[in-house]
Amino acid sequence: MVNGSNIKPISDLGQYPDVLKDVKIGSPVYLTKNGRGKYVIFDIDDPAIVDFENKVFSKGLIEELEEIERESDKKGWLTEEEVRNAIKKVLNK
């Protein structure tokens, strides 16, 4: 829920130290542009940021795995032995 005291016009960034002092864990500052919500400033240690970063990382990983699966469907899959040999080769370098 947006705390009314933490909504500020973007023009307040001209006095950014005053804006940043209001940013706390669990209490971000919401910035408006032309009266509409536009940006949010979070404390970097806020669990909401960690959760967001984890979701972004997971989404990227899933997209990469899906791409690998599509390529493997086109080019063929490796056997377990081929994978083991490739890993051994890399580890022995």
PDB file of N, CA and C in Angstrom:
ATOM      1  N   MET A   1       0.843  -1.187   0.000  1.00  0.00           N
ATOM      2  CA  MET A   1       0.000   0.000   0.000  1.00  0.00           C
ATOM      3  C   MET A   1       0.884   1.245   0.000  1.00  0.00           C
ATOM      4  N   VAL A   2       0.497   2.238  -0.717  1.00  0.00           N
ATOM      5  CA  VAL A   2       1.279   3.465  -0.836  1.00  0.00           C
ATOM      6  C   VAL A   2       0.989   4.356   0.366  1.00  0.00           C
ATOM      7  N   ASN A   3       2.041   4.728   1.071  1.00  0.00           N
ATOM      8  CA  ASN A   3       1.926   5.635   2.209  1.00  0.00           C
ATOM      9  C   ASN A   3       1.888   7.057   1.666  1.00  0.00           C
ATOM     10  N   GLY A   4       0.832   7.812   1.976  1.00  0.00           N
ATOM     11  CA  GLY A   4       0.647   9.151   1.439  1.00  0.00           C
ATOM     12  C   GLY A   4       1.821  10.083   1.676  1.00  0.00           C
ATOM     13  N   SER A   5       2.526   9.923   2.796  1.00  0.00           N
ATOM     14  CA  SER A   5       3.641  10.823   3.083  1.00  0.00           C
ATOM     15  C   SER A   5       4.863  10.496   2.235  1.00  0.00           C
ATOM     16  N   ASN A   6       4.840   9.376   1.529  1.00  0.00           N
ATOM     17  CA  ASN A   6       5.980   8.979   0.706  1.00  0.00           C
ATOM     18  C   ASN A   6       5.697   9.153  -0.787  1.00  0.00           C
ATOM     19  N   ILE A   7       4.773  10.022  -1.121  1.00  0.00           N
ATOM     20  CA  ILE A   7       4.501  10.365  -2.515  1.00  0.00           C
ATOM     21  C   ILE A   7       4.991  11.787  -2.733  1.00  0.00           C
ATOM     22  N   LYS A   8       5.883  11.933  -3.694  1.00  0.00           N
ATOM     23  CA  LYS A   8       6.474  13.247  -3.924  1.00  0.00           C
ATOM     24  C   LYS A   8       6.540  13.526  -5.425  1.00  0.00           C
ATOM     25  N   PRO A   9       6.425  14.778  -5.803  1.00  0.00           N
ATOM     26  CA  PRO A   9       6.614  15.104  -7.223  1.00  0.00           C
ATOM     27  C   PRO A   9       8.078  14.942  -7.597  1.00  0.00           C
ATOM     28  N   ILE A  10       8.318  14.539  -8.823  1.00  0.00           N
ATOM     29  CA  ILE A  10       9.687  14.316  -9.286  1.00  0.00           C
ATOM     30  C   ILE A  10      10.532  15.582  -9.161  1.00  0.00           C
ATOM     31  N   SER A  11       9.888  16.722  -9.197  1.00  0.00           N
ATOM     32  CA  SER A  11      10.628  17.981  -9.061  1.00  0.00           C
ATOM     33  C   SER A  11      11.316  18.088  -7.700  1.00  0.00           C
ATOM     34  N   ASP A  12      10.842  17.329  -6.708  1.00  0.00           N
ATOM     35  CA  ASP A  12      11.489  17.332  -5.389  1.00  0.00           C
ATOM     36  C   ASP A  12      12.894  16.733  -5.434  1.00  0.00           C
ATOM     37  N   LEU A  13      13.240  16.036  -6.519  1.00  0.00           N
ATOM     38  CA  LEU A  13      14.587  15.468  -6.612  1.00  0.00           C
ATOM     39  C   LEU A  13      15.654  16.559  -6.675  1.00  0.00           C
ATOM     40  N   GLY A  14      15.242  17.797  -6.924  1.00  0.00           N
ATOM     41  CA  GLY A  14      16.181  18.912  -6.852  1.00  0.00           C
ATOM     42  C   GLY A  14      16.775  19.025  -5.447  1.00  0.00           C
ATOM     43  N   GLN A  15      16.025  18.568  -4.469  1.00  0.00           N
ATOM     44  CA  GLN A  15      16.493  18.502  -3.082  1.00  0.00           C
ATOM     45  C   GLN A  15      16.586  17.022  -2.686  1.00  0.00           C
ATOM     46  N   TYR A  16      17.344  16.267  -3.486  1.00  0.00           N
ATOM     47  CA  TYR A  16      17.370  14.819  -3.322  1.00  0.00           C
ATOM     48  C   TYR A  16      17.765  14.343  -1.927  1.00  0.00           C
ATOM     49  N   PRO A  17      18.627  15.056  -1.170  1.00  0.00           N
ATOM     50  CA  PRO A  17      18.905  14.557   0.187  1.00  0.00           C
ATOM     51  C   PRO A  17      17.637  14.485   1.040  1.00  0.00           C
ATOM     52  N   ASP A  18      16.732  15.452   0.856  1.00  0.00           N
ATOM     53  CA  ASP A  18      15.477  15.441   1.609  1.00  0.00           C
ATOM     54  C   ASP A  18      14.582  14.284   1.173  1.00  0.00           C
ATOM     55  N   VAL A  19      14.590  13.985  -0.118  1.00  0.00           N
ATOM     56  CA  VAL A  19      13.791  12.873  -0.628  1.00  0.00           C
ATOM     57  C   VAL A  19      14.362  11.558  -0.129  1.00  0.00           C
ATOM     58  N   LEU A  20      15.685  11.401  -0.226  1.00  0.00           N
ATOM     59  CA  LEU A  20      16.316  10.130   0.143  1.00  0.00           C
ATOM     60  C   LEU A  20      16.206   9.831   1.632  1.00  0.00           C
ATOM     61  N   LYS A  21      16.138  10.844   2.475  1.00  0.00           N
ATOM     62  CA  LYS A  21      16.025  10.574   3.911  1.00  0.00           C
ATOM     63  C   LYS A  21      14.689   9.909   4.246  1.00  0.00           C
ATOM     64  N   ASP A  22      13.707  10.039   3.373  1.00  0.00           N
ATOM     65  CA  ASP A  22      12.404   9.412   3.589  1.00  0.00           C
ATOM     66  C   ASP A  22      12.342   7.969   3.085  1.00  0.00           C
ATOM     67  N   VAL A  23      13.367   7.524   2.369  1.00  0.00           N
ATOM     68  CA  VAL A  23      13.394   6.152   1.850  1.00  0.00           C
ATOM     69  C   VAL A  23      13.878   5.231   2.957  1.00  0.00           C
ATOM     70  N   LYS A  24      13.036   4.261   3.317  1.00  0.00           N
ATOM     71  CA  LYS A  24      13.387   3.301   4.366  1.00  0.00           C
ATOM     72  C   LYS A  24      12.962   1.906   3.937  1.00  0.00           C
ATOM     73  N   ILE A  25      13.543   0.910   4.563  1.00  0.00           N
ATOM     74  CA  ILE A  25      13.137  -0.466   4.267  1.00  0.00           C
ATOM     75  C   ILE A  25      11.642  -0.593   4.544  1.00  0.00           C
ATOM     76  N   GLY A  26      10.929  -1.105   3.571  1.00  0.00           N
ATOM     77  CA  GLY A  26       9.484  -1.264   3.690  1.00  0.00           C
ATOM     78  C   GLY A  26       8.697   0.013   3.452  1.00  0.00           C
ATOM     79  N   SER A  27       9.401   1.098   3.156  1.00  0.00           N
ATOM     80  CA  SER A  27       8.734   2.374   2.942  1.00  0.00           C
ATOM     81  C   SER A  27       9.428   3.148   1.822  1.00  0.00           C
ATOM     82  N   PRO A  28       9.212   2.744   0.575  1.00  0.00           N
ATOM     83  CA  PRO A  28       9.838   3.444  -0.555  1.00  0.00           C
ATOM     84  C   PRO A  28       9.192   4.808  -0.768  1.00  0.00           C
ATOM     85  N   VAL A  29       9.839   5.626  -1.556  1.00  0.00           N
ATOM     86  CA  VAL A  29       9.278   6.925  -1.950  1.00  0.00           C
ATOM     87  C   VAL A  29       8.772   6.778  -3.387  1.00  0.00           C
ATOM     88  N   TYR A  30       7.530   7.180  -3.588  1.00  0.00           N
ATOM     89  CA  TYR A  30       6.911   7.134  -4.909  1.00  0.00           C
ATOM     90  C   TYR A  30       7.003   8.528  -5.517  1.00  0.00           C
ATOM     91  N   LEU A  31       7.502   8.601  -6.734  1.00  0.00           N
ATOM     92  CA  LEU A  31       7.643   9.892  -7.418  1.00  0.00           C
ATOM     93  C   LEU A  31       6.573  10.014  -8.496  1.00  0.00           C
ATOM     94  N   THR A  32       6.009  11.205  -8.584  1.00  0.00           N
ATOM     95  CA  THR A  32       4.986  11.454  -9.592  1.00  0.00           C
ATOM     96  C   THR A  32       5.523  12.405 -10.652  1.00  0.00           C
ATOM     97  N   LYS A  33       4.986  12.257 -11.842  1.00  0.00           N
ATOM     98  CA  LYS A  33       5.293  13.163 -12.943  1.00  0.00           C
ATOM     99  C   LYS A  33       3.953  13.581 -13.531  1.00  0.00           C
ATOM    100  N   ASN A  34       3.739  14.880 -13.572  1.00  0.00           N
ATOM    101  CA  ASN A  34       2.452  15.421 -14.028  1.00  0.00           C
ATOM    102  C   ASN A  34       1.276  14.830 -13.248  1.00  0.00           C
ATOM    103  N   GLY A  35       1.513  14.636 -11.947  1.00  0.00           N
ATOM    104  CA  GLY A  35       0.443  14.159 -11.071  1.00  0.00           C
ATOM    105  C   GLY A  35       0.174  12.671 -11.116  1.00  0.00           C
ATOM    106  N   ARG A  36       0.957  11.929 -11.874  1.00  0.00           N
ATOM    107  CA  ARG A  36       0.751  10.482 -11.996  1.00  0.00           C
ATOM    108  C   ARG A  36       1.982   9.736 -11.516  1.00  0.00           C
ATOM    109  N   GLY A  37       1.760   8.572 -10.908  1.00  0.00           N
ATOM    110  CA  GLY A  37       2.864   7.745 -10.441  1.00  0.00           C
ATOM    111  C   GLY A  37       3.794   7.393 -11.588  1.00  0.00           C
ATOM    112  N   LYS A  38       5.115   7.545 -11.368  1.00  0.00           N
ATOM    113  CA  LYS A  38       6.071   7.293 -12.441  1.00  0.00           C
ATOM    114  C   LYS A  38       7.254   6.437 -11.973  1.00  0.00           C
ATOM    115  N   TYR A  39       7.805   6.726 -10.798  1.00  0.00           N
ATOM    116  CA  TYR A  39       9.011   6.043 -10.326  1.00  0.00           C
ATOM    117  C   TYR A  39       8.868   5.685  -8.851  1.00  0.00           C
ATOM    118  N   VAL A  40       9.711   4.737  -8.424  1.00  0.00           N
ATOM    119  CA  VAL A  40       9.773   4.364  -7.012  1.00  0.00           C
ATOM    120  C   VAL A  40      11.238   4.284  -6.614  1.00  0.00           C
ATOM    121  N   ILE A  41      11.566   4.821  -5.446  1.00  0.00           N
ATOM    122  CA  ILE A  41      12.923   4.721  -4.909  1.00  0.00           C
ATOM    123  C   ILE A  41      12.861   3.804  -3.693  1.00  0.00           C
ATOM    124  N   PHE A  42      13.588   2.666  -3.771  1.00  0.00           N
ATOM    125  CA  PHE A  42      13.644   1.698  -2.679  1.00  0.00           C
ATOM    126  C   PHE A  42      15.000   1.758  -1.991  1.00  0.00           C
ATOM    127  N   ASP A  43      15.034   1.389  -0.727  1.00  0.00           N
ATOM    128  CA  ASP A  43      16.290   1.113  -0.038  1.00  0.00           C
ATOM    129  C   ASP A  43      16.837  -0.166  -0.658  1.00  0.00           C
ATOM    130  N   ILE A  44      18.111  -0.213  -0.985  1.00  0.00           N
ATOM    131  CA  ILE A  44      18.707  -1.362  -1.672  1.00  0.00           C
ATOM    132  C   ILE A  44      18.600  -2.637  -0.849  1.00  0.00           C
ATOM    133  N   ASP A  45      18.477  -2.515   0.470  1.00  0.00           N
ATOM    134  CA  ASP A  45      18.355  -3.685   1.341  1.00  0.00           C
ATOM    135  C   ASP A  45      16.910  -4.123   1.556  1.00  0.00           C
ATOM    136  N   ASP A  46      15.974  -3.456   0.916  1.00  0.00           N
ATOM    137  CA  ASP A  46      14.567  -3.790   1.068  1.00  0.00           C
ATOM    138  C   ASP A  46      14.308  -5.184   0.497  1.00  0.00           C
ATOM    139  N   PRO A  47      13.637  -6.055   1.252  1.00  0.00           N
ATOM    140  CA  PRO A  47      13.327  -7.401   0.743  1.00  0.00           C
ATOM    141  C   PRO A  47      12.573  -7.380  -0.588  1.00  0.00           C
ATOM    142  N   ALA A  48      11.821  -6.324  -0.849  1.00  0.00           N
ATOM    143  CA  ALA A  48      11.097  -6.234  -2.126  1.00  0.00           C
ATOM    144  C   ALA A  48      12.072  -6.188  -3.293  1.00  0.00           C
ATOM    145  N   ILE A  49      13.229  -5.553  -3.098  1.00  0.00           N
ATOM    146  CA  ILE A  49      14.246  -5.489  -4.157  1.00  0.00           C
ATOM    147  C   ILE A  49      14.865  -6.862  -4.366  1.00  0.00           C
ATOM    148  N   VAL A  50      15.179  -7.545  -3.281  1.00  0.00           N
ATOM    149  CA  VAL A  50      15.760  -8.894  -3.380  1.00  0.00           C
ATOM    150  C   VAL A  50      14.788  -9.810  -4.107  1.00  0.00           C
ATOM    151  N   ASP A  51      13.508  -9.733  -3.755  1.00  0.00           N
ATOM    152  CA  ASP A  51      12.484 -10.554  -4.400  1.00  0.00           C
ATOM    153  C   ASP A  51      12.402 -10.229  -5.891  1.00  0.00           C
ATOM    154  N   PHE A  52      12.438  -8.945  -6.231  1.00  0.00           N
ATOM    155  CA  PHE A  52      12.392  -8.510  -7.634  1.00  0.00           C
ATOM    156  C   PHE A  52      13.606  -9.046  -8.396  1.00  0.00           C
ATOM    157  N   GLU A  53      14.799  -8.895  -7.814  1.00  0.00           N
ATOM    158  CA  GLU A  53      16.019  -9.374  -8.478  1.00  0.00           C
ATOM    159  C   GLU A  53      15.958 -10.884  -8.695  1.00  0.00           C
ATOM    160  N   ASN A  54      15.455 -11.622  -7.721  1.00  0.00           N
ATOM    161  CA  ASN A  54      15.332 -13.075  -7.862  1.00  0.00           C
ATOM    162  C   ASN A  54      14.372 -13.443  -8.987  1.00  0.00           C
ATOM    163  N   LYS A  55      13.275 -12.707  -9.091  1.00  0.00           N
ATOM    164  CA  LYS A  55      12.313 -12.976 -10.160  1.00  0.00           C
ATOM    165  C   LYS A  55      12.916 -12.674 -11.529  1.00  0.00           C
ATOM    166  N   VAL A  56      13.640 -11.571 -11.628  1.00  0.00           N
ATOM    167  CA  VAL A  56      14.280 -11.213 -12.898  1.00  0.00           C
ATOM    168  C   VAL A  56      15.322 -12.265 -13.268  1.00  0.00           C
ATOM    169  N   PHE A  57      16.136 -12.688 -12.296  1.00  0.00           N
ATOM    170  CA  PHE A  57      17.151 -13.707 -12.546  1.00  0.00           C
ATOM    171  C   PHE A  57      16.490 -15.011 -12.983  1.00  0.00           C
ATOM    172  N   SER A  58      15.442 -15.425 -12.267  1.00  0.00           N
ATOM    173  CA  SER A  58      14.752 -16.671 -12.595  1.00  0.00           C
ATOM    174  C   SER A  58      14.148 -16.619 -13.987  1.00  0.00           C
ATOM    175  N   LYS A  59      13.543 -15.488 -14.333  1.00  0.00           N
ATOM    176  CA  LYS A  59      12.939 -15.343 -15.664  1.00  0.00           C
ATOM    177  C   LYS A  59      14.004 -15.466 -16.744  1.00  0.00           C
ATOM    178  N   GLY A  60      15.158 -14.804 -16.527  1.00  0.00           N
ATOM    179  CA  GLY A  60      16.246 -14.879 -17.496  1.00  0.00           C
ATOM    180  C   GLY A  60      16.778 -16.295 -17.633  1.00  0.00           C
ATOM    181  N   LEU A  61      16.906 -16.987 -16.511  1.00  0.00           N
ATOM    182  CA  LEU A  61      17.396 -18.364 -16.535  1.00  0.00           C
ATOM    183  C   LEU A  61      16.415 -19.268 -17.278  1.00  0.00           C
ATOM    184  N   ILE A  62      15.139 -19.106 -17.019  1.00  0.00           N
ATOM    185  CA  ILE A  62      14.118 -19.913 -17.698  1.00  0.00           C
ATOM    186  C   ILE A  62      14.162 -19.647 -19.203  1.00  0.00           C
ATOM    187  N   GLU A  63      14.304 -18.385 -19.590  1.00  0.00           N
ATOM    188  CA  GLU A  63      14.372 -18.052 -21.020  1.00  0.00           C
ATOM    189  C   GLU A  63      15.600 -18.693 -21.670  1.00  0.00           C
ATOM    190  N   GLU A  64      16.737 -18.677 -20.976  1.00  0.00           N
ATOM    191  CA  GLU A  64      17.942 -19.309 -21.513  1.00  0.00           C
ATOM    192  C   GLU A  64      17.753 -20.812 -21.667  1.00  0.00           C
ATOM    193  N   LEU A  65      17.158 -21.437 -20.653  1.00  0.00           N
ATOM    194  CA  LEU A  65      16.934 -22.885 -20.719  1.00  0.00           C
ATOM    195  C   LEU A  65      15.965 -23.251 -21.840  1.00  0.00           C
ATOM    196  N   GLU A  66      14.948 -22.420 -22.041  1.00  0.00           N
ATOM    197  CA  GLU A  66      14.007 -22.665 -23.136  1.00  0.00           C
ATOM    198  C   GLU A  66      14.710 -22.556 -24.485  1.00  0.00           C
ATOM    199  N   GLU A  67      15.614 -21.584 -24.628  1.00  0.00           N
ATOM    200  CA  GLU A  67      16.377 -21.426 -25.867  1.00  0.00           C
ATOM    201  C   GLU A  67      17.276 -22.641 -26.097  1.00  0.00           C
ATOM    202  N   ILE A  68      17.924 -23.103 -25.051  1.00  0.00           N
ATOM    203  CA  ILE A  68      18.777 -24.292 -25.157  1.00  0.00           C
ATOM    204  C   ILE A  68      17.947 -25.502 -25.575  1.00  0.00           C
ATOM    205  N   GLU A  69      16.758 -25.625 -25.001  1.00  0.00           N
ATOM    206  CA  GLU A  69      15.886 -26.745 -25.351  1.00  0.00           C
ATOM    207  C   GLU A  69      15.469 -26.674 -26.827  1.00  0.00           C
ATOM    208  N   ARG A  70      15.116 -25.461 -27.310  1.00  0.00           N
ATOM    209  CA  ARG A  70      14.737 -25.314 -28.725  1.00  0.00           C
ATOM    210  C   ARG A  70      15.903 -25.688 -29.645  1.00  0.00           C
ATOM    211  N   GLU A  71      17.120 -25.211 -29.311  1.00  0.00           N
ATOM    212  CA  GLU A  71      18.299 -25.537 -30.115  1.00  0.00           C
ATOM    213  C   GLU A  71      18.586 -27.037 -30.090  1.00  0.00           C
ATOM    214  N   SER A  72      18.428 -27.638 -28.937  1.00  0.00           N
ATOM    215  CA  SER A  72      18.683 -29.080 -28.812  1.00  0.00           C
ATOM    216  C   SER A  72      17.677 -29.881 -29.616  1.00  0.00           C
ATOM    217  N   ASP A  73      16.431 -29.412 -29.636  1.00  0.00           N
ATOM    218  CA  ASP A  73      15.421 -30.097 -30.446  1.00  0.00           C
ATOM    219  C   ASP A  73      15.794 -30.051 -31.926  1.00  0.00           C
ATOM    220  N   LYS A  74      16.416 -28.930 -32.359  1.00  0.00           N
ATOM    221  CA  LYS A  74      16.818 -28.791 -33.751  1.00  0.00           C
ATOM    222  C   LYS A  74      18.069 -29.602 -34.067  1.00  0.00           C
ATOM    223  N   LYS A  75      19.073 -29.486 -33.202  1.00  0.00           N
ATOM    224  CA  LYS A  75      20.384 -30.069 -33.475  1.00  0.00           C
ATOM    225  C   LYS A  75      20.576 -31.460 -32.891  1.00  0.00           C
ATOM    226  N   GLY A  76      19.717 -31.853 -31.985  1.00  0.00           N
ATOM    227  CA  GLY A  76      19.856 -33.152 -31.336  1.00  0.00           C
ATOM    228  C   GLY A  76      20.427 -33.020 -29.934  1.00  0.00           C
ATOM    229  N   TRP A  77      20.091 -33.972 -29.120  1.00  0.00           N
ATOM    230  CA  TRP A  77      20.506 -33.973 -27.725  1.00  0.00           C
ATOM    231  C   TRP A  77      21.786 -34.787 -27.558  1.00  0.00           C
ATOM    232  N   LEU A  78      22.559 -34.448 -26.527  1.00  0.00           N
ATOM    233  CA  LEU A  78      23.756 -35.217 -26.200  1.00  0.00           C
ATOM    234  C   LEU A  78      23.376 -36.385 -25.294  1.00  0.00           C
ATOM    235  N   THR A  79      24.136 -37.457 -25.415  1.00  0.00           N
ATOM    236  CA  THR A  79      23.925 -38.575 -24.498  1.00  0.00           C
ATOM    237  C   THR A  79      24.561 -38.212 -23.159  1.00  0.00           C
ATOM    238  N   GLU A  80      24.234 -38.985 -22.146  1.00  0.00           N
ATOM    239  CA  GLU A  80      24.816 -38.763 -20.817  1.00  0.00           C
ATOM    240  C   GLU A  80      26.333 -38.902 -20.875  1.00  0.00           C
ATOM    241  N   GLU A  81      26.807 -39.870 -21.622  1.00  0.00           N
ATOM    242  CA  GLU A  81      28.255 -40.080 -21.744  1.00  0.00           C
ATOM    243  C   GLU A  81      28.934 -38.893 -22.430  1.00  0.00           C
ATOM    244  N   GLU A  82      28.305 -38.340 -23.462  1.00  0.00           N
ATOM    245  CA  GLU A  82      28.862 -37.170 -24.141  1.00  0.00           C
ATOM    246  C   GLU A  82      28.956 -35.972 -23.197  1.00  0.00           C
ATOM    247  N   VAL A  83      27.957 -35.820 -22.350  1.00  0.00           N
ATOM    248  CA  VAL A  83      27.967 -34.727 -21.388  1.00  0.00           C
ATOM    249  C   VAL A  83      29.083 -34.932 -20.377  1.00  0.00           C
ATOM    250  N   ARG A  84      29.201 -36.150 -19.861  1.00  0.00           N
ATOM    251  CA  ARG A  84      30.263 -36.450 -18.890  1.00  0.00           C
ATOM    252  C   ARG A  84      31.644 -36.190 -19.496  1.00  0.00           C
ATOM    253  N   ASN A  85      31.852 -36.627 -20.715  1.00  0.00           N
ATOM    254  CA  ASN A  85      33.134 -36.420 -21.379  1.00  0.00           C
ATOM    255  C   ASN A  85      33.424 -34.935 -21.585  1.00  0.00           C
ATOM    256  N   ALA A  86      32.410 -34.157 -21.954  1.00  0.00           N
ATOM    257  CA  ALA A  86      32.587 -32.729 -22.157  1.00  0.00           C
ATOM    258  C   ALA A  86      32.947 -32.044 -20.835  1.00  0.00           C
ATOM    259  N   ILE A  87      32.323 -32.452 -19.754  1.00  0.00           N
ATOM    260  CA  ILE A  87      32.628 -31.873 -18.440  1.00  0.00           C
ATOM    261  C   ILE A  87      34.044 -32.234 -18.015  1.00  0.00           C
ATOM    262  N   LYS A  88      34.417 -33.484 -18.207  1.00  0.00           N
ATOM    263  CA  LYS A  88      35.783 -33.919 -17.861  1.00  0.00           C
ATOM    264  C   LYS A  88      36.810 -33.124 -18.649  1.00  0.00           C
ATOM    265  N   LYS A  89      36.525 -32.898 -19.920  1.00  0.00           N
ATOM    266  CA  LYS A  89      37.433 -32.151 -20.785  1.00  0.00           C
ATOM    267  C   LYS A  89      37.647 -30.723 -20.255  1.00  0.00           C
ATOM    268  N   VAL A  90      36.568 -30.089 -19.854  1.00  0.00           N
ATOM    269  CA  VAL A  90      36.638 -28.711 -19.326  1.00  0.00           C
ATOM    270  C   VAL A  90      37.382 -28.687 -17.993  1.00  0.00           C
ATOM    271  N   LEU A  91      37.117 -29.633 -17.121  1.00  0.00           N
ATOM    272  CA  LEU A  91      37.742 -29.669 -15.807  1.00  0.00           C
ATOM    273  C   LEU A  91      39.227 -30.001 -15.865  1.00  0.00           C
ATOM    274  N   ASN A  92      39.652 -30.698 -16.886  1.00  0.00           N
ATOM    275  CA  ASN A  92      41.059 -31.088 -17.017  1.00  0.00           C
ATOM    276  C   ASN A  92      41.922 -30.018 -17.666  1.00  0.00           C
ATOM    277  N   LYS A  93      41.342 -28.930 -18.092  1.00  0.00           N
ATOM    278  CA  LYS A  93      42.130 -27.867 -18.747  1.00  0.00           C
ATOM    279  C   LYS A  93      42.913 -27.086 -17.735  1.00  0.00           C
TER     280      LYS A  93
END
